[in-house]
Protein backbone atom coordinates (compact mmCIF):
# COMPACT_ATOMS: atom_id res chain seq x y z
CA MET A 1 14.35 -10.41 85.81
CA LYS A 2 14.85 -14.04 84.90
CA THR A 3 18.44 -15.23 84.77
CA THR A 4 18.05 -18.47 82.88
CA ASP A 5 18.57 -16.99 79.39
CA TRP A 6 21.35 -18.64 77.41
CA PHE A 7 23.36 -15.41 77.23
CA THR A 8 23.18 -14.78 80.99
CA SER A 9 25.00 -18.01 81.83
CA TRP A 10 27.27 -18.42 78.78
CA PHE A 11 28.59 -14.84 78.58
CA ASP A 12 29.49 -14.89 82.28
CA THR A 13 31.77 -17.93 82.00
CA SER A 14 35.52 -17.77 81.47
CA TYR A 15 35.10 -20.32 78.65
CA TYR A 16 33.16 -17.83 76.52
CA HIS A 17 36.14 -15.47 76.66
CA THR A 18 38.55 -18.33 75.95
CA LEU A 19 36.68 -19.36 72.81
CA TYR A 20 36.56 -15.81 71.48
CA LYS A 21 39.91 -14.54 72.72
CA HIS A 22 41.27 -14.07 69.18
CA ARG A 23 38.60 -11.57 68.11
CA ASN A 24 40.10 -8.99 65.82
CA ASP A 25 40.77 -5.72 67.67
CA ALA A 26 42.10 -4.08 64.49
CA ASP A 27 38.71 -4.63 62.82
CA ALA A 28 36.87 -3.23 65.82
CA GLN A 29 39.09 -0.14 65.92
CA PHE A 30 38.83 0.38 62.16
CA PHE A 31 35.03 0.36 62.50
CA MET A 32 35.01 2.74 65.48
CA ARG A 33 37.24 5.24 63.64
CA ASN A 34 35.08 5.05 60.52
CA ILE A 35 31.70 5.29 62.23
CA THR A 36 32.61 8.20 64.56
CA SER A 37 34.09 10.04 61.58
CA PHE A 38 31.05 9.36 59.37
CA LEU A 39 28.65 10.47 62.12
CA GLN A 40 30.86 13.52 62.78
CA LEU A 41 30.46 12.87 66.49
CA PRO A 42 31.93 15.81 68.42
CA LYS A 43 34.55 14.93 71.03
CA THR A 44 32.14 16.23 73.68
CA SER A 45 29.77 13.33 72.90
CA HIS A 46 28.77 10.82 75.57
CA ILE A 47 28.53 7.32 74.02
CA ALA A 48 26.86 4.28 75.61
CA ASP A 49 28.32 0.94 74.52
CA LEU A 50 25.62 -1.62 75.25
CA PRO A 51 26.35 -4.47 75.80
CA CYS A 52 30.08 -3.82 76.12
CA GLY A 53 31.49 -7.26 77.02
CA LYS A 54 34.97 -6.79 78.49
CA GLY A 55 35.06 -3.26 77.11
CA ARG A 56 37.28 -3.42 74.03
CA HIS A 57 35.15 -1.02 71.97
CA SER A 58 34.55 1.27 74.96
CA VAL A 59 38.26 1.54 75.77
CA TYR A 60 39.11 2.36 72.16
CA LEU A 61 36.30 4.95 71.84
CA ASN A 62 37.59 6.54 75.04
CA SER A 63 41.11 6.65 73.52
CA LEU A 64 39.55 8.72 70.70
CA ASN A 65 38.65 11.23 73.45
CA TYR A 66 34.97 10.36 73.86
CA LYS A 67 33.18 10.05 77.16
CA VAL A 68 31.97 6.44 77.27
CA THR A 69 29.73 4.39 79.51
CA GLY A 70 29.91 0.64 78.93
CA GLY A 71 27.17 -1.63 80.21
CA ASP A 72 26.87 -5.40 80.23
CA LEU A 73 24.79 -8.05 81.96
CA SER A 74 27.89 -10.12 82.76
CA LYS A 75 29.26 -9.20 86.19
CA ASN A 76 32.54 -10.95 85.36
CA SER A 77 33.00 -8.90 82.18
CA ILE A 78 32.30 -5.64 84.01
CA THR A 79 34.70 -6.58 86.82
CA HIS A 80 37.38 -7.09 84.15
CA ALA A 81 36.51 -3.85 82.31
CA LYS A 82 36.61 -1.68 85.45
CA GLN A 83 40.42 -1.81 85.49
CA PHE A 84 40.34 0.53 82.45
CA GLU A 85 38.09 3.17 84.03
CA ASN A 86 39.02 6.85 84.17
CA GLU A 87 37.08 10.08 84.62
CA ASN A 88 35.58 9.74 81.11
CA LEU A 89 35.20 5.96 80.98
CA HIS A 90 32.85 4.05 83.24
CA PHE A 91 31.49 0.51 83.31
CA GLU A 92 28.40 -0.86 85.02
CA VAL A 93 26.30 -4.01 85.15
CA TRP A 94 23.42 -3.17 82.85
CA ASP A 95 20.62 -5.25 81.38
CA MET A 96 19.66 -3.67 78.06
CA ARG A 97 16.05 -4.68 78.69
CA ASP A 98 15.89 -2.18 81.56
CA PRO A 99 14.86 1.45 80.91
CA ILE A 100 17.81 3.73 80.12
CA LYS A 101 18.00 6.43 82.79
CA GLU A 102 20.41 8.88 81.14
CA LYS A 103 20.32 10.54 77.72
CA TYR A 104 23.23 9.86 75.38
CA ASP A 105 24.57 11.49 72.22
CA ALA A 106 25.07 8.02 70.75
CA ILE A 107 24.26 4.43 71.71
CA PHE A 108 26.25 1.63 70.07
CA ASN A 109 25.08 -1.99 69.99
CA LEU A 110 28.05 -3.85 68.49
CA PHE A 111 29.18 -7.26 67.32
CA THR A 112 25.79 -8.96 66.96
CA SER A 113 24.50 -8.23 70.45
CA PHE A 114 20.85 -8.14 69.45
CA GLY A 115 18.04 -10.50 68.45
CA TYR A 116 18.40 -12.88 71.38
CA PHE A 117 14.72 -13.27 72.24
CA ASP A 118 11.96 -15.59 71.07
CA ASP A 119 9.37 -12.82 71.19
CA ASP A 120 9.79 -9.98 68.66
CA ASN A 121 8.24 -7.60 71.18
CA GLU A 122 11.19 -8.07 73.54
CA ASP A 123 13.63 -7.03 70.81
CA ILE A 124 11.43 -4.09 69.84
CA ALA A 125 11.20 -3.07 73.52
CA ILE A 126 15.01 -2.87 73.63
CA LEU A 127 14.99 -0.59 70.58
CA LYS A 128 12.29 1.58 72.17
CA SER A 129 14.38 1.86 75.32
CA ILE A 130 17.41 2.85 73.22
CA LYS A 131 15.34 5.46 71.37
CA ASN A 132 14.28 6.89 74.76
CA GLY A 133 17.92 6.94 75.86
CA LEU A 134 19.02 9.17 72.98
CA LYS A 135 19.26 12.93 73.18
CA GLU A 136 17.10 14.85 70.72
CA ASP A 137 19.69 14.65 67.92
CA GLY A 138 21.24 11.42 69.23
CA VAL A 139 22.20 8.51 67.01
CA PHE A 140 21.97 4.72 67.34
CA VAL A 141 24.40 2.29 65.70
CA LEU A 142 23.41 -1.39 65.41
CA ASP A 143 26.13 -3.72 64.12
CA PHE A 144 24.54 -7.08 63.23
CA LEU A 145 25.55 -10.06 61.10
CA ASN A 146 24.25 -10.40 57.55
CA VAL A 147 21.95 -13.38 57.96
CA GLU A 148 21.64 -14.05 54.20
CA LYS A 149 25.39 -14.50 53.82
CA VAL A 150 25.53 -16.61 56.99
CA LYS A 151 22.81 -18.85 55.56
CA ASN A 152 24.66 -19.28 52.26
CA SER A 153 28.04 -20.01 53.85
CA LEU A 154 27.05 -21.85 57.04
CA VAL A 155 29.80 -24.07 58.45
CA THR A 156 27.65 -26.72 60.10
CA SER A 157 30.41 -28.37 62.11
CA GLU A 158 33.92 -27.49 63.28
CA ILE A 159 36.36 -28.09 66.12
CA LYS A 160 38.37 -25.22 67.61
CA THR A 161 41.14 -25.85 70.12
CA VAL A 162 41.96 -22.87 72.32
CA ASP A 163 44.09 -23.05 75.48
CA ASN A 164 43.94 -26.88 75.33
CA ILE A 165 40.14 -26.88 75.34
CA GLU A 166 38.56 -28.61 72.35
CA PHE A 167 35.37 -26.76 71.45
CA ASN A 168 32.96 -28.78 69.31
CA ILE A 169 30.79 -26.32 67.40
CA LYS A 170 27.68 -27.16 65.39
CA ARG A 171 25.56 -24.56 63.59
CA GLU A 172 22.04 -24.69 62.20
CA ILE A 173 19.23 -22.37 61.18
CA LYS A 174 15.99 -23.45 62.81
CA ASP A 175 12.67 -21.85 63.79
CA GLY A 176 13.81 -18.38 62.74
CA PHE A 177 17.11 -18.52 64.66
CA ILE A 178 20.77 -19.06 63.82
CA LEU A 179 21.89 -21.57 66.45
CA LYS A 180 25.44 -22.31 67.50
CA HIS A 181 25.79 -25.36 69.75
CA ILE A 182 29.05 -25.39 71.70
CA SER A 183 30.19 -28.44 73.69
CA PHE A 184 33.50 -29.09 75.41
CA ILE A 185 35.16 -30.75 78.37
CA ALA A 186 36.94 -28.43 80.80
CA ASP A 187 37.86 -28.69 84.47
CA GLN A 188 36.84 -32.36 84.32
CA LYS A 189 33.27 -31.49 83.39
CA GLN A 190 31.16 -31.62 80.25
CA HIS A 191 29.81 -28.22 79.23
CA ASN A 192 27.07 -27.50 76.71
CA TYR A 193 25.87 -24.07 75.58
CA THR A 194 23.79 -22.83 72.68
CA GLU A 195 24.00 -19.31 71.28
CA GLN A 196 20.88 -18.17 69.47
CA VAL A 197 20.49 -15.07 67.33
CA LYS A 198 17.30 -14.26 65.46
CA PHE A 199 17.38 -14.53 61.65
CA LEU A 200 16.86 -10.79 61.11
CA THR A 201 16.94 -9.60 57.51
CA LEU A 202 17.13 -5.94 56.56
CA ASP A 203 13.38 -6.00 55.85
CA LYS A 204 12.66 -7.33 59.34
CA MET A 205 15.02 -4.82 60.93
CA GLN A 206 13.24 -1.99 59.11
CA ILE A 207 9.94 -3.14 60.66
CA TYR A 208 11.56 -3.28 64.11
CA PHE A 209 12.98 0.23 63.74
CA LYS A 210 9.63 1.62 62.60
CA LYS A 211 7.79 0.03 65.54
CA ALA A 212 10.39 1.44 67.95
CA GLY A 213 10.06 4.94 66.52
CA LEU A 214 13.61 4.92 65.16
CA ASN A 215 14.22 6.64 61.85
CA LEU A 216 16.57 4.43 59.78
CA LYS A 217 19.03 6.84 58.15
CA HIS A 218 21.82 4.65 56.74
CA VAL A 219 22.59 0.99 56.01
CA PHE A 220 26.14 -0.32 55.53
CA GLY A 221 27.53 -3.76 54.73
CA ASP A 222 30.94 -3.81 56.42
CA TYR A 223 33.25 -1.94 58.77
CA GLY A 224 34.58 0.09 55.84
CA LEU A 225 31.02 1.48 55.55
CA ASN A 226 30.47 0.15 52.05
CA GLU A 227 26.99 -0.31 50.62
CA PHE A 228 24.98 -3.25 51.94
CA ASP A 229 24.53 -6.22 49.60
CA LYS A 230 22.48 -9.06 51.05
CA ASN A 231 24.47 -11.71 49.18
CA THR A 232 28.04 -10.52 49.76
CA SER A 233 28.18 -8.15 52.74
CA ASP A 234 29.77 -9.42 55.94
CA ARG A 235 27.70 -7.23 58.24
CA LEU A 236 24.37 -5.42 58.47
CA ILE A 237 25.09 -2.02 60.04
CA LEU A 238 22.11 0.23 60.71
CA ILE A 239 22.19 3.90 61.72
CA GLY A 240 19.01 5.21 63.34
CA GLU A 241 17.83 8.39 65.02
């Protein structure tokens, strides 16, 4: 598997975690409580959190008494997450492009961890793999950004200072992708990274799901599970089977 993708290098750096260290855990926990309640997931369920980053969603789901397996491509993130392991919480290095070996009651793909690839077929292949990794009555949760709102409220340039590092951030929508260019000086070196996420509307997502054999059951627009509105919703949350 090639290792030159933008996410392979950027997500494995300490700077990525510095920039995003103030992510809102209360929001994440609010969403996990709401979605597990809505899905009526029994406490016997085995949930895969893919990709899991440093494990914040996995740890919280486990605290709700679920068995959880968290997987992520970043070795550094998994090394960090392993400190939280117990008999019902496990972490492993896992490329979501690889076939899923086990069958899960639920697979969660959270916090815009999808749509990274130039070729639609690669994204669809991931969804097919997820479909194959679900038990017969298993459920898939995809938590994506609402690209229409992002487009209408795009902050093209900003500077964020975190832990004495000045991150220069520029955003643009180009060639079907939302691009976030991040440059900064740290450890006496210039660093440049670009995050890219495909501009995936609900219509496009519906096509993806259909091609992957996933039945789209519900669409929500925020972590409170309110109805999706393409102009105002913060998120695009899809529930498939």
